[in-house]
Amino acid sequence: MEGSSKGLRKGAWTAEEDNLLRQCIDKYGEGKWHQVPLRAGLNRCRKSCRLRWLNYLKPSIKRGKLNSDEVDLLVRLHKLLGNRFTFEI
């Protein structure tokens, strides 16, 4: 049933679920998130899978402390833009 979250698992991800998601992305690549839960054998919604991958599991995500160049860049950008900025399209 499309749009229904009935029966889907919610809450914290297990290590086993993380591994299933990694294996699925390794095999099929990123994208087509509507197919990921079925392909990976996960009882999660596609949005949950996408967010888990993009925010926690993707190998290119940098974790840990910022180096001095990164801190310097953030300070300079904050001085230039402040806390609020707008995008013009």
Protein backbone atom coordinates (compact mmCIF):
# COMPACT_ATOMS: atom_id res chain seq x y z
CA MET A 1 0.00 0.00 0.00
CA GLU A 2 1.71 3.24 -1.18
CA GLY A 3 1.89 6.02 1.41
CA SER A 4 1.17 3.72 4.33
CA SER A 5 3.74 3.21 7.05
CA LYS A 6 1.81 0.31 8.54
CA GLY A 7 4.16 -2.44 9.63
CA LEU A 8 7.37 -0.54 8.89
CA ARG A 9 10.12 -0.54 11.47
CA LYS A 10 10.85 2.79 13.14
CA GLY A 11 13.48 3.95 15.58
CA ALA A 12 17.14 3.11 15.93
CA TRP A 13 18.88 1.18 13.17
CA THR A 14 20.67 -2.06 14.01
CA ALA A 15 24.16 -2.99 12.78
CA GLU A 16 22.55 -5.73 10.68
CA GLU A 17 20.25 -3.21 8.97
CA ASP A 18 23.22 -0.90 8.32
CA ASN A 19 25.09 -3.78 6.69
CA LEU A 20 22.11 -4.70 4.51
CA LEU A 21 21.79 -1.08 3.36
CA ARG A 22 25.55 -0.83 2.61
CA GLN A 23 25.45 -4.06 0.59
CA CYS A 24 22.45 -2.84 -1.39
CA ILE A 25 24.10 0.51 -2.21
CA ASP A 26 27.35 -1.28 -3.13
CA LYS A 27 25.45 -3.57 -5.51
CA TYR A 28 22.92 -1.16 -7.07
CA GLY A 29 24.37 2.31 -6.35
CA GLU A 30 22.66 5.37 -4.91
CA GLY A 31 19.28 6.45 -6.20
CA LYS A 32 16.00 4.75 -6.94
CA TRP A 33 15.31 4.92 -3.21
CA HIS A 34 11.82 3.48 -3.67
CA GLN A 35 13.46 0.15 -4.58
CA VAL A 36 16.06 0.09 -1.79
CA PRO A 37 13.98 -1.37 1.09
CA LEU A 38 12.82 -4.30 -1.04
CA ARG A 39 16.22 -4.91 -2.64
CA ALA A 40 18.01 -4.72 0.71
CA GLY A 41 15.44 -6.81 2.57
CA LEU A 42 14.71 -3.99 5.00
CA ASN A 43 11.41 -3.29 6.67
CA ARG A 44 12.02 0.47 6.48
CA CYS A 45 10.54 3.22 4.35
CA ARG A 46 12.55 4.61 1.44
CA LYS A 47 13.01 7.98 3.14
CA SER A 48 14.50 6.33 6.21
CA CYS A 49 16.93 4.37 4.02
CA ARG A 50 17.94 7.47 2.07
CA LEU A 51 18.52 9.56 5.19
CA ARG A 52 20.43 6.77 6.94
CA TRP A 53 22.76 6.47 3.95
CA LEU A 54 23.25 10.19 3.31
CA ASN A 55 23.64 11.25 6.95
CA TYR A 56 25.46 8.32 8.56
CA LEU A 57 26.72 5.53 6.32
CA LYS A 58 28.02 7.19 3.15
CA PRO A 59 31.81 6.69 3.15
CA SER A 60 32.57 10.27 2.02
CA ILE A 61 31.02 11.77 5.17
CA LYS A 62 33.70 13.31 7.31
CA ARG A 63 33.41 12.68 11.03
CA GLY A 64 35.39 14.01 13.94
CA LYS A 65 37.09 17.29 14.70
CA LEU A 66 37.59 20.01 12.12
CA ASN A 67 41.15 20.85 11.14
CA SER A 68 42.47 24.43 11.50
CA ASP A 69 41.83 25.29 7.82
CA GLU A 70 38.19 24.22 8.12
CA VAL A 71 37.73 26.22 11.32
CA ASP A 72 39.33 29.26 9.65
CA LEU A 73 37.00 28.96 6.66
CA LEU A 74 33.94 28.72 8.90
CA VAL A 75 34.98 31.77 10.92
CA ARG A 76 35.63 33.82 7.74
CA LEU A 77 32.32 32.78 6.20
CA HIS A 78 30.46 33.62 9.41
CA LYS A 79 32.05 37.08 9.47
CA LEU A 80 31.07 37.57 5.84
CA LEU A 81 27.55 36.12 5.92
CA GLY A 82 26.55 36.07 9.58
CA ASN A 83 23.98 33.61 10.89
CA ARG A 84 21.43 34.39 8.20
CA PHE A 85 21.87 34.46 4.48
CA THR A 86 19.60 34.18 1.48
CA PHE A 87 19.87 32.28 -1.76
CA GLU A 88 19.09 34.10 -4.96
CA ILE A 89 18.03 32.03 -7.90
